C-alpha atoms as a PDB file:
ATOM      1  CA  UNK A   1      -4.972  -8.886  22.799  1.00  0.00           C
ATOM      2  CA  UNK A   2      -8.001  -9.758  20.701  1.00  0.00           C
ATOM      3  CA  UNK A   3      -6.865  -9.152  18.252  1.00  0.00           C
ATOM      4  CA  UNK A   4      -2.842 -10.996  18.199  1.00  0.00           C
ATOM      5  CA  UNK A   5      -4.905 -14.221  20.107  1.00  0.00           C
ATOM      6  CA  UNK A   6      -7.429 -14.433  16.847  1.00  0.00           C
ATOM      7  CA  UNK A   7      -3.930 -13.842  14.294  1.00  0.00           C
ATOM      8  CA  UNK A   8      -2.419 -17.033  16.769  1.00  0.00           C
ATOM      9  CA  UNK A   9      -5.692 -18.983  15.894  1.00  0.00           C
ATOM     10  CA  UNK A  10      -5.893 -17.882  12.314  1.00  0.00           C
ATOM     11  CA  UNK A  11      -2.510 -18.697  11.226  1.00  0.00           C
ATOM     12  CA  UNK A  12      -2.933 -22.115  11.930  1.00  0.00           C
ATOM     13  CA  UNK A  13      -5.748 -21.980   9.106  1.00  0.00           C
ATOM     14  CA  UNK A  14      -2.997 -19.198   6.847  1.00  0.00           C
ATOM     15  CA  UNK A  15      -0.494 -21.109   4.489  1.00  0.00           C
ATOM     16  CA  UNK A  16       2.400 -21.343   5.892  1.00  0.00           C
ATOM     17  CA  UNK A  17       4.193 -19.668   2.643  1.00  0.00           C
ATOM     18  CA  UNK A  18       2.150 -16.863   2.066  1.00  0.00           C
ATOM     19  CA  UNK A  19       3.721 -15.377   5.993  1.00  0.00           C
ATOM     20  CA  UNK A  20       7.221 -17.034   4.403  1.00  0.00           C
ATOM     21  CA  UNK A  21       6.812 -14.471   0.587  1.00  0.00           C
ATOM     22  CA  UNK A  22       5.285 -11.812   3.481  1.00  0.00           C
ATOM     23  CA  UNK A  23       8.504 -11.978   5.785  1.00  0.00           C
ATOM     24  CA  UNK A  24      11.349 -12.523   2.943  1.00  0.00           C
ATOM     25  CA  UNK A  25      10.260 -10.563   0.520  1.00  0.00           C
ATOM     26  CA  UNK A  26       8.389  -7.296   2.533  1.00  0.00           C
ATOM     27  CA  UNK A  27       9.435  -7.373   5.423  1.00  0.00           C
ATOM     28  CA  UNK A  28      12.911  -8.145   5.742  1.00  0.00           C
ATOM     29  CA  UNK A  29      13.607  -6.682   2.519  1.00  0.00           C
ATOM     30  CA  UNK A  30      12.056  -2.987   3.793  1.00  0.00           C
ATOM     31  CA  UNK A  31      14.048  -3.562   6.893  1.00  0.00           C
ATOM     32  CA  UNK A  32      17.374  -3.555   5.601  1.00  0.00           C
ATOM     33  CA  UNK A  33      16.657  -0.469   3.851  1.00  0.00           C
ATOM     34  CA  UNK A  34      14.853   1.417   6.874  1.00  0.00           C
ATOM     35  CA  UNK A  35      17.989   0.069   8.887  1.00  0.00           C
ATOM     36  CA  UNK A  36      21.298  -0.370   6.510  1.00  0.00           C
ATOM     37  CA  UNK A  37      24.576  -1.949   7.821  1.00  0.00           C
ATOM     38  CA  UNK A  38      27.146   0.867   7.894  1.00  0.00           C
ATOM     39  CA  UNK A  39      30.263   0.253   6.949  1.00  0.00           C
ATOM     40  CA  UNK A  40      33.393   2.121   7.306  1.00  0.00           C
ATOM     41  CA  UNK A  41      35.866   2.845   4.726  1.00  0.00           C
ATOM     42  CA  UNK A  42      39.166   4.267   5.191  1.00  0.00           C
ATOM     43  CA  UNK A  43      38.829   5.786   0.579  1.00  0.00           C
ATOM     44  CA  UNK A  44      36.481   8.062  -0.261  1.00  0.00           C
ATOM     45  CA  UNK A  45      37.849   9.736  -2.773  1.00  0.00           C
ATOM     46  CA  UNK A  46      35.345   6.841  -5.351  1.00  0.00           C
ATOM     47  CA  UNK A  47      32.688   8.351  -3.469  1.00  0.00           C
ATOM     48  CA  UNK A  48      30.012  10.628  -5.305  1.00  0.00           C
ATOM     49  CA  UNK A  49      29.020  14.156  -2.846  1.00  0.00           C
ATOM     50  CA  UNK A  50      25.943  12.942  -1.688  1.00  0.00           C
ATOM     51  CA  UNK A  51      27.561   9.178  -0.858  1.00  0.00           C
ATOM     52  CA  UNK A  52      30.442  10.525   1.480  1.00  0.00           C
ATOM     53  CA  UNK A  53      27.144  13.126   2.556  1.00  0.00           C
ATOM     54  CA  UNK A  54      24.805  10.933   3.258  1.00  0.00           C
ATOM     55  CA  UNK A  55      25.022   9.801   7.108  1.00  0.00           C
ATOM     56  CA  UNK A  56      24.871  13.906   7.350  1.00  0.00           C
ATOM     57  CA  UNK A  57      21.637  14.543   5.317  1.00  0.00           C
ATOM     58  CA  UNK A  58      20.096  11.255   7.051  1.00  0.00           C
ATOM     59  CA  UNK A  59      20.629  13.789   9.979  1.00  0.00           C
ATOM     60  CA  UNK A  60      19.709  17.070   8.516  1.00  0.00           C
ATOM     61  CA  UNK A  61      16.503  15.522   7.738  1.00  0.00           C
ATOM     62  CA  UNK A  62      15.707  13.929  11.102  1.00  0.00           C
ATOM     63  CA  UNK A  63      16.731  17.623  12.623  1.00  0.00           C
ATOM     64  CA  UNK A  64      14.333  18.987  10.735  1.00  0.00           C
ATOM     65  CA  UNK A  65      11.462  16.780  11.161  1.00  0.00           C
ATOM     66  CA  UNK A  66      11.852  17.488  14.383  1.00  0.00           C
ATOM     67  CA  UNK A  67      11.699  21.184  14.652  1.00  0.00           C
ATOM     68  CA  UNK A  68       8.623  20.931  12.311  1.00  0.00           C
ATOM     69  CA  UNK A  69       6.880  18.429  15.298  1.00  0.00           C
ATOM     70  CA  UNK A  70       7.643  20.605  17.910  1.00  0.00           C
ATOM     71  CA  UNK A  71       6.234  24.136  16.139  1.00  0.00           C
ATOM     72  CA  UNK A  72       3.235  21.362  16.023  1.00  0.00           C
ATOM     73  CA  UNK A  73       2.796  21.116  19.145  1.00  0.00           C
ATOM     74  CA  UNK A  74       3.549  24.918  19.743  1.00  0.00           C
ATOM     75  CA  UNK A  75       0.512  25.976  17.616  1.00  0.00           C
ATOM     76  CA  UNK A  76      -1.320  22.628  18.944  1.00  0.00           C
ATOM     77  CA  UNK A  77      -1.102  24.373  22.143  1.00  0.00           C
ATOM     78  CA  UNK A  78      -0.683  28.036  21.415  1.00  0.00           C
ATOM     79  CA  UNK A  79       2.300  28.055  23.130  1.00  0.00           C
ATOM     80  CA  UNK A  80       4.496  31.685  22.265  1.00  0.00           C
ATOM     81  CA  UNK A  81       8.009  31.232  22.605  1.00  0.00           C
ATOM     82  CA  UNK A  82       8.756  35.017  22.172  1.00  0.00           C
ATOM     83  CA  UNK A  83       6.773  35.859  24.947  1.00  0.00           C
ATOM     84  CA  UNK A  84       8.045  33.076  26.958  1.00  0.00           C
ATOM     85  CA  UNK A  85      11.042  34.463  26.373  1.00  0.00           C
ATOM     86  CA  UNK A  86      10.542  38.065  26.912  1.00  0.00           C
ATOM     87  CA  UNK A  87       9.110  37.719  30.686  1.00  0.00           C
ATOM     88  CA  UNK A  88      12.206  34.721  31.587  1.00  0.00           C
ATOM     89  CA  UNK A  89      16.305  34.897  33.048  1.00  0.00           C
ATOM     90  CA  UNK A  90      18.471  34.728  31.152  1.00  0.00           C
ATOM     91  CA  UNK A  91      20.156  31.911  31.735  1.00  0.00           C
ATOM     92  CA  UNK A  92      16.061  30.749  29.612  1.00  0.00           C
ATOM     93  CA  UNK A  93      17.366  32.023  26.739  1.00  0.00           C
ATOM     94  CA  UNK A  94      20.397  29.829  27.065  1.00  0.00           C
ATOM     95  CA  UNK A  95      19.019  26.395  27.970  1.00  0.00           C
ATOM     96  CA  UNK A  96      16.304  27.060  24.380  1.00  0.00           C
ATOM     97  CA  UNK A  97      19.417  28.403  22.883  1.00  0.00           C
ATOM     98  CA  UNK A  98      20.826  24.686  23.727  1.00  0.00           C
ATOM     99  CA  UNK A  99      17.708  23.004  24.079  1.00  0.00           C
ATOM    100  CA  UNK A 100      16.926  23.840  20.052  1.00  0.00           C
ATOM    101  CA  UNK A 101      20.361  22.653  18.735  1.00  0.00           C
ATOM    102  CA  UNK A 102      19.850  19.421  19.936  1.00  0.00           C
ATOM    103  CA  UNK A 103      16.252  18.391  20.542  1.00  0.00           C
ATOM    104  CA  UNK A 104      14.796  18.919  17.580  1.00  0.00           C
ATOM    105  CA  UNK A 105      16.971  15.969  16.052  1.00  0.00           C
ATOM    106  CA  UNK A 106      16.096  12.852  18.755  1.00  0.00           C
ATOM    107  CA  UNK A 107      12.250  14.156  17.957  1.00  0.00           C
ATOM    108  CA  UNK A 108      12.863  13.723  14.342  1.00  0.00           C
ATOM    109  CA  UNK A 109      14.584  10.386  15.224  1.00  0.00           C
ATOM    110  CA  UNK A 110      12.278   8.957  17.624  1.00  0.00           C
ATOM    111  CA  UNK A 111       9.093   7.830  15.177  1.00  0.00           C
ATOM    112  CA  UNK A 112      12.335   6.975  12.938  1.00  0.00           C
ATOM    113  CA  UNK A 113      13.516   4.465  15.483  1.00  0.00           C
ATOM    114  CA  UNK A 114       9.521   3.102  16.240  1.00  0.00           C
ATOM    115  CA  UNK A 115       9.014   2.201  12.328  1.00  0.00           C
ATOM    116  CA  UNK A 116      12.330   0.152  12.108  1.00  0.00           C
ATOM    117  CA  UNK A 117      11.188  -1.246  15.984  1.00  0.00           C
ATOM    118  CA  UNK A 118       8.392  -2.361  14.601  1.00  0.00           C
ATOM    119  CA  UNK A 119       9.571  -3.175  10.852  1.00  0.00           C
ATOM    120  CA  UNK A 120      12.761  -5.293  13.383  1.00  0.00           C
ATOM    121  CA  UNK A 121       9.564  -6.979  15.995  1.00  0.00           C
ATOM    122  CA  UNK A 122       7.699  -8.303  13.189  1.00  0.00           C
ATOM    123  CA  UNK A 123       9.675  -9.772  10.560  1.00  0.00           C
ATOM    124  CA  UNK A 124      10.995 -11.458  14.299  1.00  0.00           C
ATOM    125  CA  UNK A 125       7.151 -12.625  14.868  1.00  0.00           C
ATOM    126  CA  UNK A 126       6.710 -13.392  11.872  1.00  0.00           C
ATOM    127  CA  UNK A 127       9.271 -15.596  11.904  1.00  0.00           C
ATOM    128  CA  UNK A 128       8.467 -17.247  15.172  1.00  0.00           C
ATOM    129  CA  UNK A 129       4.736 -18.127  14.412  1.00  0.00           C
ATOM    130  CA  UNK A 130       6.084 -19.417  10.746  1.00  0.00           C
ATOM    131  CA  UNK A 131       8.842 -21.644  13.315  1.00  0.00           C
ATOM    132  CA  UNK A 132       6.184 -22.451  15.526  1.00  0.00           C
ATOM    133  CA  UNK A 133       2.446 -23.515  13.828  1.00  0.00           C
ATOM    134  CA  UNK A 134       4.143 -26.911  12.700  1.00  0.00           C
ATOM    135  CA  UNK A 135       4.133 -28.372  16.630  1.00  0.00           C
ATOM    136  CA  UNK A 136       0.566 -26.566  17.635  1.00  0.00           C
ATOM    137  CA  UNK A 137       2.166 -24.335  19.518  1.00  0.00           C
ATOM    138  CA  UNK A 138       0.174 -21.015  18.544  1.00  0.00           C
ATOM    139  CA  UNK A 139      -3.415 -22.061  18.473  1.00  0.00           C
ATOM    140  CA  UNK A 140      -3.134 -23.202  21.680  1.00  0.00           C
ATOM    141  CA  UNK A 141      -1.563 -19.881  22.885  1.00  0.00           C
ATOM    142  CA  UNK A 142      -4.193 -18.089  20.188  1.00  0.00           C
ATOM    143  CA  UNK A 143      -6.671 -19.940  22.288  1.00  0.00           C
ATOM    144  CA  UNK A 144      -5.219 -19.222  26.458  1.00  0.00           C
ATOM    145  CA  UNK A 145      -5.243 -15.410  24.190  1.00  0.00           C
ATOM    146  CA  UNK A 146      -8.658 -15.974  23.713  1.00  0.00           C
ATOM    147  CA  UNK A 147      -9.960 -17.982  26.862  1.00  0.00           C
ATOM    148  CA  UNK A 148      -8.072 -14.954  29.018  1.00  0.00           C
ATOM    149  CA  UNK A 149      -9.907 -12.482  26.852  1.00  0.00           C
ATOM    150  CA  UNK A 150     -13.393 -13.700  27.762  1.00  0.00           C
ATOM    151  CA  UNK A 151     -12.953 -14.220  30.778  1.00  0.00           C
ATOM    152  CA  UNK A 152     -11.192 -11.249  31.889  1.00  0.00           C
ATOM    153  CA  UNK A 153     -14.911  -9.465  29.729  1.00  0.00           C
ATOM    154  CA  UNK A 154     -16.956 -11.526  31.675  1.00  0.00           C
ATOM    155  CA  UNK A 155     -15.480 -10.835  34.905  1.00  0.00           C
ATOM    156  CA  UNK A 156     -14.940  -7.119  34.292  1.00  0.00           C
ATOM    157  CA  UNK A 157     -17.927  -6.601  32.649  1.00  0.00           C
ATOM    158  CA  UNK A 158     -19.814  -8.523  36.089  1.00  0.00           C
END
C-alpha cells in the first residue's frame, strides 16, 4: 500500500508523456501478443502447419510446463507417486490417471493467465492515472493512502 501511495503521489511529478509511452509502446503491444484475438477461418488450406496447429501447440506447452511444475512440487515435498500407488486402491489409480491427463494443463495455464491479467490491469491502471492526474484526484488519493498507511502503522506499533 505504501508503494501505491508513493507512486500516486509521484505521478504528479512524472511526465504524462512517459506514462503514455509506457502504456502505448510497451504494455499494450505486450498485452496483444500475450492474449491475441482469435478469429475463426473457414478455409485453412492456405495456412501452414504451424499456423493451423498453433492453438494445439500452445496447449501442449501449457501441459508440459504444468507437468514440470507438478514434478518439481513432488520433488520439493518428497512425494513419491510410485510409493503412493503401491499402497492404494485401484480407484485411486483411475483418479490419478484422470488427474494426470487434466491437472497439468490447468497448472501450466495458470502462470500465463496471471501474467495476462497483470499486464491488462497495469494498462488499465496507468491509463486511469493518465486521465485523472490533471484533475488532482491522483495526488489526493496518493496522499490519503499514504496518510492511512502512516496512521495505521502508528496504531499498530503503539
